[in-house]
Amino acid sequence: MEARYLVDLEWRICHAVNVYVFRNGRDGEQPVLVHVPPSKKKNMKTVMNVIQERVKYPVGYATHLYKMDGTRIRHPCELEMYCNYVVASNYEKHFKCAEYGRRKSPLLVLNRESKHVRVLRLQNENYQQWLLKKKAVRVI
């Protein structure tokens, strides 16, 4: 068991990793594919420098890396191939729970008084009135 652990640990240290990275608190954005070569997997500071080159922040820089459940990555050996991670900047250090990678539905964006909703409501009311008239004609 210990030998297998050492082999797995050596593989994680010596091999390159491709990871998908989301920006913290930004739901609906597509992830950025980041390639971390084995020479940069010595410590988290060098890993974060590689991520900073790919994920651009308008102000600040990448400092923390989290898994999708919010647990912080503290060592480069914890990175897994093609997994999703969330990167936080020095301004927003704490993990923000959001729906990363999911597109927002356009129907959720519409408010109650939008033209689309009014047209649907009017069509529904017209249909209900037509059904009532049809039932009234049958009774007579």
N, C-alpha and C. Protein backbone atom coordinates (compact mmCIF):
# COMPACT_ATOMS: atom_id res chain seq x y z
N MET A 1 0.82 -1.19 0.00
CA MET A 1 0.00 0.00 0.00
C MET A 1 0.87 1.26 0.00
N GLU A 2 1.92 1.27 0.80
CA GLU A 2 2.78 2.45 0.85
C GLU A 2 3.53 2.63 -0.46
N ALA A 3 3.93 1.52 -1.09
CA ALA A 3 4.66 1.63 -2.35
C ALA A 3 3.77 2.25 -3.42
N ARG A 4 2.50 1.83 -3.44
CA ARG A 4 1.58 2.41 -4.43
C ARG A 4 1.39 3.90 -4.18
N TYR A 5 1.32 4.30 -2.91
CA TYR A 5 1.18 5.70 -2.57
C TYR A 5 2.39 6.49 -3.07
N LEU A 6 3.59 5.96 -2.90
CA LEU A 6 4.79 6.66 -3.34
C LEU A 6 4.83 6.77 -4.87
N VAL A 7 4.42 5.71 -5.56
CA VAL A 7 4.39 5.76 -7.02
C VAL A 7 3.39 6.81 -7.48
N ASP A 8 2.21 6.84 -6.85
CA ASP A 8 1.20 7.83 -7.21
C ASP A 8 1.70 9.24 -6.92
N LEU A 9 2.36 9.44 -5.80
CA LEU A 9 2.88 10.75 -5.43
C LEU A 9 3.97 11.18 -6.41
N GLU A 10 4.85 10.26 -6.79
CA GLU A 10 5.89 10.59 -7.76
C GLU A 10 5.28 10.96 -9.11
N TRP A 11 4.23 10.24 -9.52
CA TRP A 11 3.58 10.55 -10.79
C TRP A 11 2.98 11.94 -10.74
N ARG A 12 2.34 12.28 -9.63
CA ARG A 12 1.72 13.60 -9.52
C ARG A 12 2.73 14.72 -9.53
N ILE A 13 3.91 14.48 -9.00
CA ILE A 13 4.94 15.52 -8.96
C ILE A 13 5.62 15.65 -10.32
N CYS A 14 5.89 14.53 -10.98
CA CYS A 14 6.73 14.52 -12.18
C CYS A 14 5.98 14.73 -13.48
N HIS A 15 4.67 14.73 -13.48
CA HIS A 15 3.93 14.82 -14.73
C HIS A 15 3.17 16.14 -14.82
N ALA A 16 2.99 16.58 -16.07
CA ALA A 16 2.24 17.80 -16.32
C ALA A 16 0.76 17.57 -16.06
N VAL A 17 0.06 18.66 -15.79
CA VAL A 17 -1.37 18.60 -15.49
C VAL A 17 -2.08 19.66 -16.31
N ASN A 18 -3.22 19.27 -16.88
CA ASN A 18 -4.13 20.22 -17.54
C ASN A 18 -5.36 20.37 -16.66
N VAL A 19 -5.68 21.60 -16.28
CA VAL A 19 -6.83 21.83 -15.41
C VAL A 19 -7.70 22.93 -16.02
N TYR A 20 -8.99 22.88 -15.67
CA TYR A 20 -9.93 23.92 -16.07
C TYR A 20 -10.13 24.86 -14.88
N VAL A 21 -10.00 26.16 -15.14
CA VAL A 21 -10.03 27.14 -14.06
C VAL A 21 -11.15 28.15 -14.32
N PHE A 22 -11.96 28.38 -13.28
CA PHE A 22 -13.00 29.41 -13.29
C PHE A 22 -12.55 30.57 -12.42
N ARG A 23 -13.00 31.77 -12.74
CA ARG A 23 -12.74 32.92 -11.87
C ARG A 23 -13.77 32.91 -10.75
N ASN A 24 -13.35 33.32 -9.58
CA ASN A 24 -14.16 33.25 -8.38
C ASN A 24 -15.39 34.15 -8.47
N GLY A 25 -16.57 33.55 -8.24
CA GLY A 25 -17.81 34.31 -8.20
C GLY A 25 -18.40 34.64 -9.55
N ARG A 26 -17.82 34.19 -10.65
CA ARG A 26 -18.31 34.50 -11.99
C ARG A 26 -19.04 33.29 -12.55
N ASP A 27 -20.34 33.22 -12.36
CA ASP A 27 -21.10 32.10 -12.91
C ASP A 27 -21.48 32.40 -14.35
N GLY A 28 -21.58 31.35 -15.15
CA GLY A 28 -21.92 31.50 -16.55
C GLY A 28 -20.74 31.68 -17.47
N GLU A 29 -19.54 31.86 -16.95
CA GLU A 29 -18.35 31.99 -17.79
C GLU A 29 -17.80 30.61 -18.13
N GLN A 30 -17.15 30.53 -19.25
CA GLN A 30 -16.50 29.29 -19.65
C GLN A 30 -15.17 29.16 -18.92
N PRO A 31 -14.77 27.92 -18.59
CA PRO A 31 -13.48 27.76 -17.90
C PRO A 31 -12.31 27.96 -18.85
N VAL A 32 -11.16 28.26 -18.27
CA VAL A 32 -9.93 28.44 -19.03
C VAL A 32 -9.08 27.20 -18.81
N LEU A 33 -8.61 26.61 -19.90
CA LEU A 33 -7.74 25.45 -19.81
C LEU A 33 -6.32 25.92 -19.53
N VAL A 34 -5.73 25.42 -18.44
CA VAL A 34 -4.38 25.81 -18.03
C VAL A 34 -3.50 24.58 -18.02
N HIS A 35 -2.37 24.66 -18.70
CA HIS A 35 -1.38 23.58 -18.71
C HIS A 35 -0.30 23.91 -17.70
N VAL A 36 -0.11 23.04 -16.71
CA VAL A 36 0.91 23.24 -15.68
C VAL A 36 2.02 22.22 -15.94
N PRO A 37 3.19 22.66 -16.42
CA PRO A 37 4.27 21.72 -16.68
C PRO A 37 4.89 21.21 -15.38
N PRO A 38 5.60 20.08 -15.44
CA PRO A 38 6.18 19.53 -14.20
C PRO A 38 7.23 20.45 -13.58
N SER A 39 7.89 21.25 -14.38
CA SER A 39 8.90 22.16 -13.81
C SER A 39 8.27 23.25 -12.95
N LYS A 40 6.98 23.53 -13.17
CA LYS A 40 6.28 24.57 -12.39
C LYS A 40 5.50 24.00 -11.22
N LYS A 41 5.57 22.69 -10.99
CA LYS A 41 4.80 22.07 -9.92
C LYS A 41 5.61 21.92 -8.63
N LYS A 42 6.60 22.78 -8.45
CA LYS A 42 7.44 22.68 -7.25
C LYS A 42 6.71 23.22 -6.02
N ASN A 43 6.01 24.32 -6.19
CA ASN A 43 5.23 24.88 -5.09
C ASN A 43 4.02 25.62 -5.65
N MET A 44 3.13 26.03 -4.78
CA MET A 44 1.89 26.67 -5.23
C MET A 44 2.12 28.06 -5.83
N LYS A 45 3.19 28.72 -5.41
CA LYS A 45 3.46 30.04 -5.96
C LYS A 45 3.75 29.97 -7.45
N THR A 46 4.53 28.99 -7.89
CA THR A 46 4.81 28.86 -9.31
C THR A 46 3.58 28.40 -10.08
N VAL A 47 2.75 27.55 -9.47
CA VAL A 47 1.51 27.12 -10.11
C VAL A 47 0.59 28.32 -10.30
N MET A 48 0.49 29.17 -9.29
CA MET A 48 -0.38 30.34 -9.39
C MET A 48 0.16 31.34 -10.43
N ASN A 49 1.48 31.39 -10.62
CA ASN A 49 2.04 32.25 -11.68
C ASN A 49 1.62 31.75 -13.06
N VAL A 50 1.59 30.43 -13.25
CA VAL A 50 1.15 29.86 -14.52
C VAL A 50 -0.33 30.16 -14.75
N ILE A 51 -1.13 30.03 -13.70
CA ILE A 51 -2.56 30.31 -13.81
C ILE A 51 -2.79 31.79 -14.07
N GLN A 52 -2.00 32.65 -13.45
CA GLN A 52 -2.14 34.09 -13.63
C GLN A 52 -1.87 34.49 -15.09
N GLU A 53 -0.97 33.79 -15.77
CA GLU A 53 -0.70 34.09 -17.17
C GLU A 53 -1.91 33.82 -18.05
N ARG A 54 -2.71 32.82 -17.71
CA ARG A 54 -3.87 32.45 -18.53
C ARG A 54 -5.15 33.15 -18.09
N VAL A 55 -5.36 33.32 -16.80
CA VAL A 55 -6.57 33.93 -16.27
C VAL A 55 -6.25 35.38 -15.92
N LYS A 56 -6.78 36.29 -16.68
CA LYS A 56 -6.47 37.71 -16.50
C LYS A 56 -7.48 38.36 -15.56
N TYR A 57 -6.96 39.11 -14.61
CA TYR A 57 -7.79 39.93 -13.73
C TYR A 57 -7.56 41.40 -14.08
N PRO A 58 -8.62 42.21 -14.12
CA PRO A 58 -8.43 43.63 -14.43
C PRO A 58 -7.62 44.33 -13.34
N VAL A 59 -7.84 43.94 -12.09
CA VAL A 59 -7.09 44.48 -10.97
C VAL A 59 -6.73 43.31 -10.07
N GLY A 60 -5.49 43.23 -9.68
CA GLY A 60 -5.05 42.17 -8.78
C GLY A 60 -4.43 41.01 -9.53
N TYR A 61 -4.21 39.92 -8.79
CA TYR A 61 -3.57 38.75 -9.36
C TYR A 61 -4.08 37.51 -8.63
N ALA A 62 -3.88 36.35 -9.24
CA ALA A 62 -4.37 35.09 -8.69
C ALA A 62 -3.53 34.68 -7.48
N THR A 63 -4.21 34.35 -6.38
CA THR A 63 -3.49 33.96 -5.17
C THR A 63 -3.93 32.62 -4.61
N HIS A 64 -5.21 32.29 -4.68
CA HIS A 64 -5.73 31.07 -4.06
C HIS A 64 -6.41 30.20 -5.10
N LEU A 65 -6.31 28.89 -4.90
CA LEU A 65 -6.94 27.93 -5.79
C LEU A 65 -7.83 27.02 -4.96
N TYR A 66 -9.09 26.83 -5.40
CA TYR A 66 -10.06 26.03 -4.67
C TYR A 66 -10.63 24.94 -5.56
N LYS A 67 -11.04 23.83 -4.94
CA LYS A 67 -11.81 22.82 -5.65
C LYS A 67 -13.22 23.34 -5.80
N MET A 68 -14.04 22.62 -6.55
CA MET A 68 -15.41 23.08 -6.80
C MET A 68 -16.28 23.03 -5.55
N ASP A 69 -15.88 22.25 -4.55
CA ASP A 69 -16.66 22.20 -3.31
C ASP A 69 -16.21 23.24 -2.30
N GLY A 70 -15.15 24.01 -2.62
CA GLY A 70 -14.71 25.09 -1.74
C GLY A 70 -13.50 24.77 -0.91
N THR A 71 -12.95 23.57 -0.98
CA THR A 71 -11.74 23.26 -0.22
C THR A 71 -10.52 23.83 -0.95
N ARG A 72 -9.62 24.37 -0.19
CA ARG A 72 -8.46 25.05 -0.77
C ARG A 72 -7.37 24.05 -1.16
N ILE A 73 -6.74 24.28 -2.29
CA ILE A 73 -5.61 23.48 -2.74
C ILE A 73 -4.36 24.09 -2.11
N ARG A 74 -3.63 23.29 -1.34
CA ARG A 74 -2.45 23.80 -0.65
C ARG A 74 -1.14 23.29 -1.22
N HIS A 75 -1.20 22.24 -2.05
CA HIS A 75 0.03 21.68 -2.62
C HIS A 75 -0.24 21.27 -4.06
N PRO A 76 0.73 21.44 -4.96
CA PRO A 76 0.52 21.09 -6.37
C PRO A 76 0.21 19.62 -6.60
N CYS A 77 0.56 18.75 -5.67
CA CYS A 77 0.25 17.32 -5.83
C CYS A 77 -1.25 17.05 -5.78
N GLU A 78 -2.02 17.97 -5.25
CA GLU A 78 -3.47 17.79 -5.14
C GLU A 78 -4.19 18.05 -6.47
N LEU A 79 -3.50 18.61 -7.45
CA LEU A 79 -4.11 18.89 -8.75
C LEU A 79 -4.31 17.59 -9.51
N GLU A 80 -5.49 17.43 -10.10
CA GLU A 80 -5.82 16.25 -10.88
C GLU A 80 -6.05 16.64 -12.33
N MET A 81 -5.76 15.71 -13.22
CA MET A 81 -5.85 15.97 -14.65
C MET A 81 -7.29 16.25 -15.07
N TYR A 82 -7.50 17.34 -15.80
CA TYR A 82 -8.78 17.76 -16.37
C TYR A 82 -9.89 17.94 -15.33
N CYS A 83 -9.55 18.39 -14.15
CA CYS A 83 -10.56 18.70 -13.13
C CYS A 83 -10.83 20.20 -13.13
N ASN A 84 -11.96 20.58 -12.56
CA ASN A 84 -12.36 21.98 -12.49
C ASN A 84 -11.92 22.57 -11.16
N TYR A 85 -11.39 23.80 -11.22
CA TYR A 85 -10.95 24.53 -10.04
C TYR A 85 -11.41 25.97 -10.14
N VAL A 86 -11.41 26.66 -9.01
CA VAL A 86 -11.79 28.07 -8.94
C VAL A 86 -10.60 28.85 -8.42
N VAL A 87 -10.22 29.91 -9.13
CA VAL A 87 -9.10 30.73 -8.71
C VAL A 87 -9.63 32.05 -8.15
N ALA A 88 -9.04 32.45 -7.02
CA ALA A 88 -9.45 33.69 -6.35
C ALA A 88 -8.28 34.68 -6.39
N SER A 89 -8.62 35.94 -6.48
CA SER A 89 -7.58 36.97 -6.53
C SER A 89 -7.24 37.45 -5.12
N ASN A 90 -6.29 38.38 -5.05
CA ASN A 90 -5.91 38.91 -3.75
C ASN A 90 -6.99 39.82 -3.17
N TYR A 91 -7.97 40.25 -3.97
CA TYR A 91 -9.07 41.09 -3.47
C TYR A 91 -10.25 40.25 -2.96
N GLU A 92 -10.48 39.12 -3.58
CA GLU A 92 -11.59 38.26 -3.17
C GLU A 92 -11.01 36.89 -2.80
N LYS A 93 -10.44 36.80 -1.63
CA LYS A 93 -9.68 35.62 -1.23
C LYS A 93 -10.56 34.42 -0.92
N HIS A 94 -11.75 34.64 -0.43
CA HIS A 94 -12.61 33.54 0.00
C HIS A 94 -13.41 32.99 -1.17
N PHE A 95 -13.65 31.69 -1.12
CA PHE A 95 -14.40 31.00 -2.16
C PHE A 95 -15.84 31.49 -2.18
N LYS A 96 -16.34 31.81 -3.38
CA LYS A 96 -17.74 32.21 -3.54
C LYS A 96 -18.48 31.09 -4.25
N CYS A 97 -19.55 30.64 -3.65
CA CYS A 97 -20.33 29.55 -4.23
C CYS A 97 -21.19 30.12 -5.36
N ALA A 98 -21.03 29.56 -6.55
CA ALA A 98 -21.79 30.00 -7.72
C ALA A 98 -21.97 28.81 -8.64
N GLU A 99 -22.79 28.97 -9.66
CA GLU A 99 -23.01 27.90 -10.63
C GLU A 99 -21.98 28.06 -11.75
N TYR A 100 -20.80 27.55 -11.50
CA TYR A 100 -19.71 27.70 -12.45
C TYR A 100 -19.96 26.82 -13.66
N GLY A 101 -19.79 27.39 -14.83
CA GLY A 101 -19.88 26.64 -16.07
C GLY A 101 -21.28 26.44 -16.61
N ARG A 102 -22.29 26.88 -15.91
CA ARG A 102 -23.67 26.72 -16.39
C ARG A 102 -24.12 28.01 -17.05
N ARG A 103 -24.68 27.87 -18.21
CA ARG A 103 -25.22 29.04 -18.92
C ARG A 103 -26.53 29.46 -18.27
N LYS A 104 -26.74 30.76 -18.21
CA LYS A 104 -28.01 31.26 -17.68
C LYS A 104 -29.07 31.16 -18.75
N SER A 105 -30.25 30.73 -18.36
CA SER A 105 -31.35 30.63 -19.29
C SER A 105 -31.88 32.02 -19.60
N PRO A 106 -32.19 32.31 -20.85
CA PRO A 106 -32.72 33.65 -21.15
C PRO A 106 -34.08 33.90 -20.52
N LEU A 107 -34.83 32.85 -20.21
CA LEU A 107 -36.13 33.04 -19.57
C LEU A 107 -35.97 33.46 -18.12
N LEU A 108 -34.85 33.12 -17.48
CA LEU A 108 -34.64 33.54 -16.10
C LEU A 108 -34.26 35.02 -16.03
N VAL A 109 -33.71 35.54 -17.10
CA VAL A 109 -33.31 36.93 -17.13
C VAL A 109 -34.50 37.85 -17.31
N LEU A 110 -35.53 37.37 -17.99
CA LEU A 110 -36.70 38.20 -18.25
C LEU A 110 -37.43 38.53 -16.96
N ASN A 111 -37.82 39.77 -16.83
CA ASN A 111 -38.59 40.13 -15.65
C ASN A 111 -40.07 39.91 -15.92
N ARG A 112 -40.88 40.15 -14.92
CA ARG A 112 -42.30 39.83 -15.02
C ARG A 112 -43.03 40.68 -16.05
N GLU A 113 -42.58 41.87 -16.26
CA GLU A 113 -43.27 42.80 -17.15
C GLU A 113 -42.65 42.86 -18.55
N SER A 114 -41.85 41.89 -18.92
CA SER A 114 -41.24 41.94 -20.24
C SER A 114 -42.27 41.68 -21.33
N LYS A 115 -41.92 42.05 -22.53
CA LYS A 115 -42.83 41.90 -23.66
C LYS A 115 -43.14 40.43 -23.93
N HIS A 116 -42.13 39.59 -23.81
CA HIS A 116 -42.31 38.16 -24.04
C HIS A 116 -43.35 37.57 -23.09
N VAL A 117 -43.25 37.91 -21.82
CA VAL A 117 -44.19 37.38 -20.82
C VAL A 117 -45.59 37.94 -21.05
N ARG A 118 -45.69 39.23 -21.41
CA ARG A 118 -47.01 39.82 -21.68
C ARG A 118 -47.69 39.15 -22.86
N VAL A 119 -46.94 38.85 -23.93
CA VAL A 119 -47.52 38.18 -25.10
C VAL A 119 -48.01 36.79 -24.73
N LEU A 120 -47.22 36.06 -23.96
CA LEU A 120 -47.64 34.72 -23.54
C LEU A 120 -48.88 34.77 -22.66
N ARG A 121 -48.93 35.73 -21.76
CA ARG A 121 -50.09 35.87 -20.88
C ARG A 121 -51.34 36.21 -21.68
N LEU A 122 -51.22 37.10 -22.66
CA LEU A 122 -52.34 37.48 -23.50
C LEU A 122 -52.84 36.29 -24.33
N GLN A 123 -51.90 35.52 -24.88
CA GLN A 123 -52.29 34.33 -25.64
C GLN A 123 -53.02 33.33 -24.74
N ASN A 124 -52.56 33.17 -23.53
CA ASN A 124 -53.20 32.25 -22.60
C ASN A 124 -54.60 32.73 -22.24
N GLU A 125 -54.75 34.04 -21.99
CA GLU A 125 -56.09 34.57 -21.67
C GLU A 125 -57.04 34.41 -22.86
N ASN A 126 -56.55 34.68 -24.06
CA ASN A 126 -57.39 34.50 -25.26
C ASN A 126 -57.81 33.05 -25.41
N TYR A 127 -56.89 32.13 -25.15
CA TYR A 127 -57.22 30.72 -25.25
C TYR A 127 -58.26 30.32 -24.20
N GLN A 128 -58.14 30.83 -22.98
CA GLN A 128 -59.12 30.52 -21.92
C GLN A 128 -60.50 31.06 -22.29
N GLN A 129 -60.57 32.27 -22.84
CA GLN A 129 -61.85 32.82 -23.26
C GLN A 129 -62.45 32.00 -24.40
N TRP A 130 -61.64 31.56 -25.33
CA TRP A 130 -62.12 30.73 -26.42
C TRP A 130 -62.68 29.41 -25.90
N LEU A 131 -62.02 28.82 -24.90
CA LEU A 131 -62.53 27.57 -24.31
C LEU A 131 -63.87 27.79 -23.62
N LEU A 132 -64.02 28.93 -22.90
CA LEU A 132 -65.30 29.22 -22.24
C LEU A 132 -66.41 29.41 -23.26
N LYS A 133 -66.15 30.11 -24.35
CA LYS A 133 -67.16 30.30 -25.40
C LYS A 133 -67.53 28.97 -26.03
N LYS A 134 -66.56 28.11 -26.24
CA LYS A 134 -66.82 26.81 -26.84
C LYS A 134 -67.70 25.95 -25.94
N LYS A 135 -67.45 26.00 -24.62
CA LYS A 135 -68.28 25.25 -23.68
C LYS A 135 -69.69 25.82 -23.63
N ALA A 136 -69.79 27.17 -23.71
CA ALA A 136 -71.11 27.81 -23.67
C ALA A 136 -71.93 27.44 -24.90
N VAL A 137 -71.32 27.32 -26.05
CA VAL A 137 -72.03 26.96 -27.28
C VAL A 137 -72.52 25.53 -27.18
N ARG A 138 -71.79 24.64 -26.60
CA ARG A 138 -72.19 23.24 -26.45
C ARG A 138 -73.41 23.09 -25.54
N VAL A 139 -73.44 23.89 -24.48
CA VAL A 139 -74.53 23.80 -23.53
C VAL A 139 -75.84 24.22 -24.18
N ILE A 140 -75.82 25.23 -24.99
CA ILE A 140 -77.04 25.73 -25.64
C ILE A 140 -77.43 24.82 -26.73
